[in-house]
PDB file of N, CA and C in Angstrom:
ATOM      1  N   MET A   1     -57.069  54.395 -40.661  1.00  0.00           N
ATOM      2  CA  MET A   1     -55.986  54.131 -40.921  1.00  0.00           C
ATOM      3  C   MET A   1     -55.540  52.738 -41.965  1.00  0.00           C
ATOM      4  N   HIS A   2     -55.073  53.281 -43.014  1.00  0.00           N
ATOM      5  CA  HIS A   2     -54.666  52.437 -44.288  1.00  0.00           C
ATOM      6  C   HIS A   2     -53.552  51.714 -43.901  1.00  0.00           C
ATOM      7  N   GLU A   3     -53.179  50.694 -44.066  1.00  0.00           N
ATOM      8  CA  GLU A   3     -51.335  49.974 -43.834  1.00  0.00           C
ATOM      9  C   GLU A   3     -51.583  49.440 -45.049  1.00  0.00           C
ATOM     10  N   ARG A   4     -50.373  49.356 -45.824  1.00  0.00           N
ATOM     11  CA  ARG A   4     -50.014  48.272 -47.381  1.00  0.00           C
ATOM     12  C   ARG A   4     -48.375  48.040 -46.643  1.00  0.00           C
ATOM     13  N   ILE A   5     -47.920  46.851 -46.811  1.00  0.00           N
ATOM     14  CA  ILE A   5     -46.695  46.475 -47.309  1.00  0.00           C
ATOM     15  C   ILE A   5     -46.170  46.287 -48.314  1.00  0.00           C
ATOM     16  N   ARG A   6     -45.389  46.857 -48.295  1.00  0.00           N
ATOM     17  CA  ARG A   6     -44.656  46.998 -49.861  1.00  0.00           C
ATOM     18  C   ARG A   6     -42.748  46.321 -50.070  1.00  0.00           C
ATOM     19  N   THR A   7     -42.557  46.528 -51.233  1.00  0.00           N
ATOM     20  CA  THR A   7     -40.835  46.589 -51.266  1.00  0.00           C
ATOM     21  C   THR A   7     -40.230  47.631 -51.763  1.00  0.00           C
ATOM     22  N   ALA A   8     -39.370  48.315 -51.292  1.00  0.00           N
ATOM     23  CA  ALA A   8     -38.763  49.502 -51.814  1.00  0.00           C
ATOM     24  C   ALA A   8     -38.045  49.298 -52.834  1.00  0.00           C
ATOM     25  N   ARG A   9     -38.033  49.664 -54.196  1.00  0.00           N
ATOM     26  CA  ARG A   9     -37.426  50.070 -55.549  1.00  0.00           C
ATOM     27  C   ARG A   9     -36.555  51.503 -55.153  1.00  0.00           C
ATOM     28  N   ARG A  10     -36.685  51.786 -54.728  1.00  0.00           N
ATOM     29  CA  ARG A  10     -35.526  53.189 -54.604  1.00  0.00           C
ATOM     30  C   ARG A  10     -35.132  53.447 -53.117  1.00  0.00           C
ATOM     31  N   PRO A  11     -34.194  54.259 -52.887  1.00  0.00           N
ATOM     32  CA  PRO A  11     -33.696  54.498 -51.606  1.00  0.00           C
ATOM     33  C   PRO A  11     -34.771  55.335 -50.973  1.00  0.00           C
ATOM     34  N   MET A  12     -35.267  55.310 -49.757  1.00  0.00           N
ATOM     35  CA  MET A  12     -36.106  56.464 -49.167  1.00  0.00           C
ATOM     36  C   MET A  12     -35.876  56.434 -47.752  1.00  0.00           C
ATOM     37  N   THR A  13     -36.423  57.465 -46.739  1.00  0.00           N
ATOM     38  CA  THR A  13     -36.206  57.635 -45.426  1.00  0.00           C
ATOM     39  C   THR A  13     -37.422  57.348 -44.496  1.00  0.00           C
ATOM     40  N   CYS A  14     -36.974  56.564 -43.276  1.00  0.00           N
ATOM     41  CA  CYS A  14     -38.116  56.358 -42.546  1.00  0.00           C
ATOM     42  C   CYS A  14     -39.170  57.379 -41.965  1.00  0.00           C
ATOM     43  N   ASP A  15     -39.951  57.818 -41.815  1.00  0.00           N
ATOM     44  CA  ASP A  15     -40.510  58.455 -41.054  1.00  0.00           C
ATOM     45  C   ASP A  15     -40.553  58.735 -39.628  1.00  0.00           C
ATOM     46  N   LEU A  16     -40.283  57.453 -39.196  1.00  0.00           N
ATOM     47  CA  LEU A  16     -40.219  57.234 -37.646  1.00  0.00           C
ATOM     48  C   LEU A  16     -38.757  57.237 -37.165  1.00  0.00           C
ATOM     49  N   CYS A  17     -37.995  56.789 -37.523  1.00  0.00           N
ATOM     50  CA  CYS A  17     -36.764  56.692 -37.012  1.00  0.00           C
ATOM     51  C   CYS A  17     -35.570  57.725 -38.132  1.00  0.00           C
ATOM     52  N   GLY A  18     -35.714  58.025 -39.379  1.00  0.00           N
ATOM     53  CA  GLY A  18     -34.949  58.983 -40.146  1.00  0.00           C
ATOM     54  C   GLY A  18     -34.126  57.748 -40.660  1.00  0.00           C
ATOM     55  N   LEU A  19     -33.856  56.881 -40.575  1.00  0.00           N
ATOM     56  CA  LEU A  19     -32.600  55.999 -41.265  1.00  0.00           C
ATOM     57  C   LEU A  19     -33.184  55.552 -42.524  1.00  0.00           C
ATOM     58  N   MET A  20     -32.351  55.177 -43.399  1.00  0.00           N
ATOM     59  CA  MET A  20     -32.770  54.593 -44.946  1.00  0.00           C
ATOM     60  C   MET A  20     -33.199  53.668 -45.003  1.00  0.00           C
ATOM     61  N   ILE A  21     -34.091  53.559 -45.816  1.00  0.00           N
ATOM     62  CA  ILE A  21     -35.000  52.072 -46.273  1.00  0.00           C
ATOM     63  C   ILE A  21     -34.181  51.985 -47.577  1.00  0.00           C
ATOM     64  N   HIS A  22     -33.521  50.779 -47.570  1.00  0.00           N
ATOM     65  CA  HIS A  22     -32.820  50.381 -48.851  1.00  0.00           C
ATOM     66  C   HIS A  22     -33.646  50.089 -49.797  1.00  0.00           C
ATOM     67  N   PRO A  23     -33.367  49.829 -50.918  1.00  0.00           N
ATOM     68  CA  PRO A  23     -34.148  49.025 -52.371  1.00  0.00           C
ATOM     69  C   PRO A  23     -34.065  47.337 -51.943  1.00  0.00           C
ATOM     70  N   GLY A  24     -35.262  47.087 -52.309  1.00  0.00           N
ATOM     71  CA  GLY A  24     -35.324  45.522 -51.870  1.00  0.00           C
ATOM     72  C   GLY A  24     -36.103  45.287 -50.195  1.00  0.00           C
ATOM     73  N   GLU A  25     -35.724  45.955 -49.695  1.00  0.00           N
ATOM     74  CA  GLU A  25     -36.457  45.899 -48.194  1.00  0.00           C
ATOM     75  C   GLU A  25     -37.756  46.225 -48.007  1.00  0.00           C
ATOM     76  N   ARG A  26     -38.660  45.432 -47.382  1.00  0.00           N
ATOM     77  CA  ARG A  26     -39.997  45.638 -46.978  1.00  0.00           C
ATOM     78  C   ARG A  26     -40.132  46.706 -45.960  1.00  0.00           C
ATOM     79  N   TYR A  27     -41.394  47.625 -46.372  1.00  0.00           N
ATOM     80  CA  TYR A  27     -41.519  48.640 -45.175  1.00  0.00           C
ATOM     81  C   TYR A  27     -43.182  48.636 -45.542  1.00  0.00           C
ATOM     82  N   ARG A  28     -43.449  49.392 -44.488  1.00  0.00           N
ATOM     83  CA  ARG A  28     -44.798  49.659 -44.403  1.00  0.00           C
ATOM     84  C   ARG A  28     -45.607  51.309 -44.753  1.00  0.00           C
ATOM     85  N   ILE A  29     -46.567  51.276 -45.407  1.00  0.00           N
ATOM     86  CA  ILE A  29     -46.952  52.513 -45.765  1.00  0.00           C
ATOM     87  C   ILE A  29     -48.166  52.993 -44.844  1.00  0.00           C
ATOM     88  N   VAL A  30     -48.301  53.936 -44.116  1.00  0.00           N
ATOM     89  CA  VAL A  30     -49.600  54.356 -43.556  1.00  0.00           C
ATOM     90  C   VAL A  30     -50.241  55.439 -44.100  1.00  0.00           C
ATOM     91  N   ARG A  31     -51.448  55.410 -44.532  1.00  0.00           N
ATOM     92  CA  ARG A  31     -52.161  56.463 -44.912  1.00  0.00           C
ATOM     93  C   ARG A  31     -53.375  56.819 -44.147  1.00  0.00           C
ATOM     94  N   ASN A  32     -53.660  57.826 -43.728  1.00  0.00           N
ATOM     95  CA  ASN A  32     -54.520  58.627 -43.335  1.00  0.00           C
ATOM     96  C   ASN A  32     -55.655  58.808 -44.005  1.00  0.00           C
ATOM     97  N   GLU A  33     -56.559  58.576 -43.470  1.00  0.00           N
ATOM     98  CA  GLU A  33     -57.861  58.684 -44.289  1.00  0.00           C
ATOM     99  C   GLU A  33     -58.521  60.131 -44.773  1.00  0.00           C
ATOM    100  N   TYR A  34     -58.145  61.105 -43.626  1.00  0.00           N
ATOM    101  CA  TYR A  34     -58.947  62.079 -43.702  1.00  0.00           C
ATOM    102  C   TYR A  34     -57.843  63.115 -44.526  1.00  0.00           C
ATOM    103  N   SER A  35     -56.088  62.634 -44.995  1.00  0.00           N
ATOM    104  CA  SER A  35     -55.403  63.772 -45.343  1.00  0.00           C
ATOM    105  C   SER A  35     -54.647  62.964 -46.482  1.00  0.00           C
ATOM    106  N   PRO A  36     -54.397  63.728 -47.551  1.00  0.00           N
ATOM    107  CA  PRO A  36     -53.474  62.893 -48.468  1.00  0.00           C
ATOM    108  C   PRO A  36     -52.089  62.410 -48.123  1.00  0.00           C
ATOM    109  N   MET A  37     -51.705  62.577 -47.148  1.00  0.00           N
ATOM    110  CA  MET A  37     -50.377  62.230 -46.478  1.00  0.00           C
ATOM    111  C   MET A  37     -50.204  60.744 -46.311  1.00  0.00           C
ATOM    112  N   GLU A  38     -48.857  60.258 -46.697  1.00  0.00           N
ATOM    113  CA  GLU A  38     -48.483  58.866 -46.737  1.00  0.00           C
ATOM    114  C   GLU A  38     -47.212  58.943 -45.805  1.00  0.00           C
ATOM    115  N   TYR A  39     -47.187  57.858 -44.872  1.00  0.00           N
ATOM    116  CA  TYR A  39     -45.827  58.064 -44.000  1.00  0.00           C
ATOM    117  C   TYR A  39     -45.197  56.767 -44.319  1.00  0.00           C
ATOM    118  N   ARG A  40     -44.053  56.536 -44.226  1.00  0.00           N
ATOM    119  CA  ARG A  40     -43.289  55.218 -44.895  1.00  0.00           C
ATOM    120  C   ARG A  40     -42.160  55.116 -43.630  1.00  0.00           C
ATOM    121  N   GLU A  41     -42.421  53.820 -42.958  1.00  0.00           N
ATOM    122  CA  GLU A  41     -41.768  53.108 -42.116  1.00  0.00           C
ATOM    123  C   GLU A  41     -41.059  51.864 -42.059  1.00  0.00           C
ATOM    124  N   HIS A  42     -40.259  51.548 -41.349  1.00  0.00           N
ATOM    125  CA  HIS A  42     -39.673  50.162 -41.475  1.00  0.00           C
ATOM    126  C   HIS A  42     -40.731  49.184 -40.793  1.00  0.00           C
ATOM    127  N   ILE A  43     -40.513  47.852 -41.070  1.00  0.00           N
ATOM    128  CA  ILE A  43     -41.275  47.000 -40.330  1.00  0.00           C
ATOM    129  C   ILE A  43     -40.693  46.912 -38.924  1.00  0.00           C
ATOM    130  N   GLN A  44     -39.627  47.003 -38.664  1.00  0.00           N
ATOM    131  CA  GLN A  44     -39.359  46.935 -37.377  1.00  0.00           C
ATOM    132  C   GLN A  44     -37.661  47.947 -37.732  1.00  0.00           C
ATOM    133  N   CYS A  45     -38.161  48.976 -36.638  1.00  0.00           N
ATOM    134  CA  CYS A  45     -36.651  50.197 -37.346  1.00  0.00           C
ATOM    135  C   CYS A  45     -35.555  49.564 -36.540  1.00  0.00           C
ATOM    136  N   PRO A  46     -34.542  49.786 -37.411  1.00  0.00           N
ATOM    137  CA  PRO A  46     -33.185  49.349 -36.830  1.00  0.00           C
ATOM    138  C   PRO A  46     -33.033  49.374 -35.171  1.00  0.00           C
ATOM    139  N   GLY A  47     -33.024  50.835 -35.307  1.00  0.00           N
ATOM    140  CA  GLY A  47     -32.744  51.599 -33.916  1.00  0.00           C
ATOM    141  C   GLY A  47     -33.769  51.516 -32.803  1.00  0.00           C
ATOM    142  N   ALA A  48     -34.802  50.898 -32.848  1.00  0.00           N
ATOM    143  CA  ALA A  48     -35.651  50.456 -31.862  1.00  0.00           C
ATOM    144  C   ALA A  48     -35.310  49.173 -31.054  1.00  0.00           C
ATOM    145  N   PRO A  49     -36.037  49.744 -29.890  1.00  0.00           N
ATOM    146  CA  PRO A  49     -35.645  48.334 -28.686  1.00  0.00           C
ATOM    147  C   PRO A  49     -36.405  47.520 -28.933  1.00  0.00           C
ATOM    148  N   THR A  50     -35.923  46.148 -29.032  1.00  0.00           N
ATOM    149  CA  THR A  50     -36.675  45.021 -29.182  1.00  0.00           C
ATOM    150  C   THR A  50     -37.788  44.620 -27.981  1.00  0.00           C
ATOM    151  N   ALA A  51     -38.442  43.976 -28.278  1.00  0.00           N
ATOM    152  CA  ALA A  51     -39.429  43.425 -27.225  1.00  0.00           C
ATOM    153  C   ALA A  51     -38.574  42.820 -26.179  1.00  0.00           C
ATOM    154  N   ALA A  52     -38.855  42.787 -25.015  1.00  0.00           N
ATOM    155  CA  ALA A  52     -38.087  41.811 -23.642  1.00  0.00           C
ATOM    156  C   ALA A  52     -39.095  41.265 -23.271  1.00  0.00           C
ATOM    157  N   ILE A  53     -38.644  39.463 -23.275  1.00  0.00           N
ATOM    158  CA  ILE A  53     -39.327  38.706 -22.381  1.00  0.00           C
ATOM    159  C   ILE A  53     -38.489  38.531 -21.193  1.00  0.00           C
ATOM    160  N   THR A  54     -39.749  38.556 -20.011  1.00  0.00           N
ATOM    161  CA  THR A  54     -39.130  38.729 -18.757  1.00  0.00           C
ATOM    162  C   THR A  54     -38.937  36.850 -18.040  1.00  0.00           C
ATOM    163  N   ASP A  55     -37.859  36.616 -17.672  1.00  0.00           N
ATOM    164  CA  ASP A  55     -37.700  35.363 -17.011  1.00  0.00           C
ATOM    165  C   ASP A  55     -37.252  35.481 -15.773  1.00  0.00           C
ATOM    166  N   PRO A  56     -37.567  34.809 -14.892  1.00  0.00           N
ATOM    167  CA  PRO A  56     -38.956  33.621 -15.040  1.00  0.00           C
ATOM    168  C   PRO A  56     -40.551  34.667 -15.604  1.00  0.00           C
ATOM    169  N   ARG A  57     -41.034  33.801 -16.320  1.00  0.00           N
ATOM    170  CA  ARG A  57     -42.319  34.534 -16.623  1.00  0.00           C
ATOM    171  C   ARG A  57     -43.587  34.466 -15.544  1.00  0.00           C
ATOM    172  N   PRO A  58     -44.390  34.917 -15.635  1.00  0.00           N
ATOM    173  CA  PRO A  58     -45.087  34.999 -14.321  1.00  0.00           C
ATOM    174  C   PRO A  58     -46.241  33.856 -14.381  1.00  0.00           C
ATOM    175  N   ARG A  59     -46.403  33.668 -13.128  1.00  0.00           N
ATOM    176  CA  ARG A  59     -47.139  32.245 -13.085  1.00  0.00           C
ATOM    177  C   ARG A  59     -48.812  32.624 -13.564  1.00  0.00           C
ATOM    178  N   PRO A  60     -49.328  31.642 -13.973  1.00  0.00           N
ATOM    179  CA  PRO A  60     -51.030  32.032 -14.372  1.00  0.00           C
ATOM    180  C   PRO A  60     -51.226  31.832 -13.148  1.00  0.00           C
ATOM    181  N   PRO A  61     -52.868  32.604 -12.383  1.00  0.00           N
ATOM    182  CA  PRO A  61     -53.367  32.392 -11.674  1.00  0.00           C
ATOM    183  C   PRO A  61     -54.004  31.096 -11.399  1.00  0.00           C
ATOM    184  N   LYS A  62     -53.956  30.489 -10.334  1.00  0.00           N
ATOM    185  CA  LYS A  62     -54.389  28.782 -10.101  1.00  0.00           C
ATOM    186  C   LYS A  62     -55.982  29.136  -9.874  1.00  0.00           C
ATOM    187  N   ILE A  63     -57.042  28.347 -10.337  1.00  0.00           N
ATOM    188  CA  ILE A  63     -58.234  28.097  -9.816  1.00  0.00           C
ATOM    189  C   ILE A  63     -58.525  27.256  -8.726  1.00  0.00           C
ATOM    190  N   ARG A  64     -58.880  27.986  -7.781  1.00  0.00           N
ATOM    191  CA  ARG A  64     -59.287  26.906  -6.785  1.00  0.00           C
ATOM    192  C   ARG A  64     -60.802  26.519  -6.647  1.00  0.00           C
ATOM    193  N   THR A  65     -60.785  25.171  -6.394  1.00  0.00           N
ATOM    194  CA  THR A  65     -62.037  23.897  -6.671  1.00  0.00           C
ATOM    195  C   THR A  65     -62.745  24.410  -5.394  1.00  0.00           C
ATOM    196  N   ASP A  66     -62.329  24.777  -4.524  1.00  0.00           N
ATOM    197  CA  ASP A  66     -63.524  24.883  -3.388  1.00  0.00           C
ATOM    198  C   ASP A  66     -64.572  25.874  -3.637  1.00  0.00           C
ATOM    199  N   PHE A  67     -64.381  26.726  -4.892  1.00  0.00           N
ATOM    200  CA  PHE A  67     -65.357  27.637  -5.054  1.00  0.00           C
ATOM    201  C   PHE A  67     -66.319  27.696  -6.721  1.00  0.00           C
ATOM    202  N   ASN A  68     -65.551  26.124  -6.893  1.00  0.00           N
ATOM    203  CA  ASN A  68     -66.472  25.814  -8.221  1.00  0.00           C
ATOM    204  C   ASN A  68     -68.009  25.291  -8.110  1.00  0.00           C
ATOM    205  N   HIS A  69     -68.672  25.429  -6.934  1.00  0.00           N
ATOM    206  CA  HIS A  69     -69.564  25.055  -6.713  1.00  0.00           C
ATOM    207  C   HIS A  69     -70.718  26.196  -6.869  1.00  0.00           C
ATOM    208  N   ALA A  70     -69.965  27.420  -6.754  1.00  0.00           N
ATOM    209  CA  ALA A  70     -70.726  28.382  -6.779  1.00  0.00           C
ATOM    210  C   ALA A  70     -70.926  28.958  -8.609  1.00  0.00           C
ATOM    211  N   PHE A  71     -70.455  28.230  -9.553  1.00  0.00           N
ATOM    212  CA  PHE A  71     -70.434  28.253 -11.332  1.00  0.00           C
ATOM    213  C   PHE A  71     -71.268  27.186 -11.424  1.00  0.00           C
ATOM    214  N   CYS A  72     -71.751  26.251 -10.686  1.00  0.00           N
ATOM    215  CA  CYS A  72     -72.599  25.386 -11.169  1.00  0.00           C
ATOM    216  C   CYS A  72     -73.942  25.686 -10.978  1.00  0.00           C
ATOM    217  N   MET A  73     -74.726  25.333 -12.322  1.00  0.00           N
ATOM    218  CA  MET A  73     -76.302  25.251 -11.926  1.00  0.00           C
ATOM    219  C   MET A  73     -77.211  24.273 -12.225  1.00  0.00           C
ATOM    220  N   ALA A  74     -77.155  23.521 -10.793  1.00  0.00           N
ATOM    221  CA  ALA A  74     -77.421  22.478 -10.740  1.00  0.00           C
ATOM    222  C   ALA A  74     -79.125  22.423 -10.195  1.00  0.00           C
TER     223      ALA A  74
END
């Protein structure tokens, strides 16, 4: 699939959410390589849920030092 980001010159509808893409707004064109169809979609649809960040963030795993000798090639 080929993607391009363009600025709208005329009002058009988003193929994902169905809302209007207004003139001057940036949108994404997705084109399938095997068909002549082009899909127009918002960069981020206004009705789409936002990405949530969990608080507190999960702790990264601790590397135990007593097993480090297994990784040394001495």
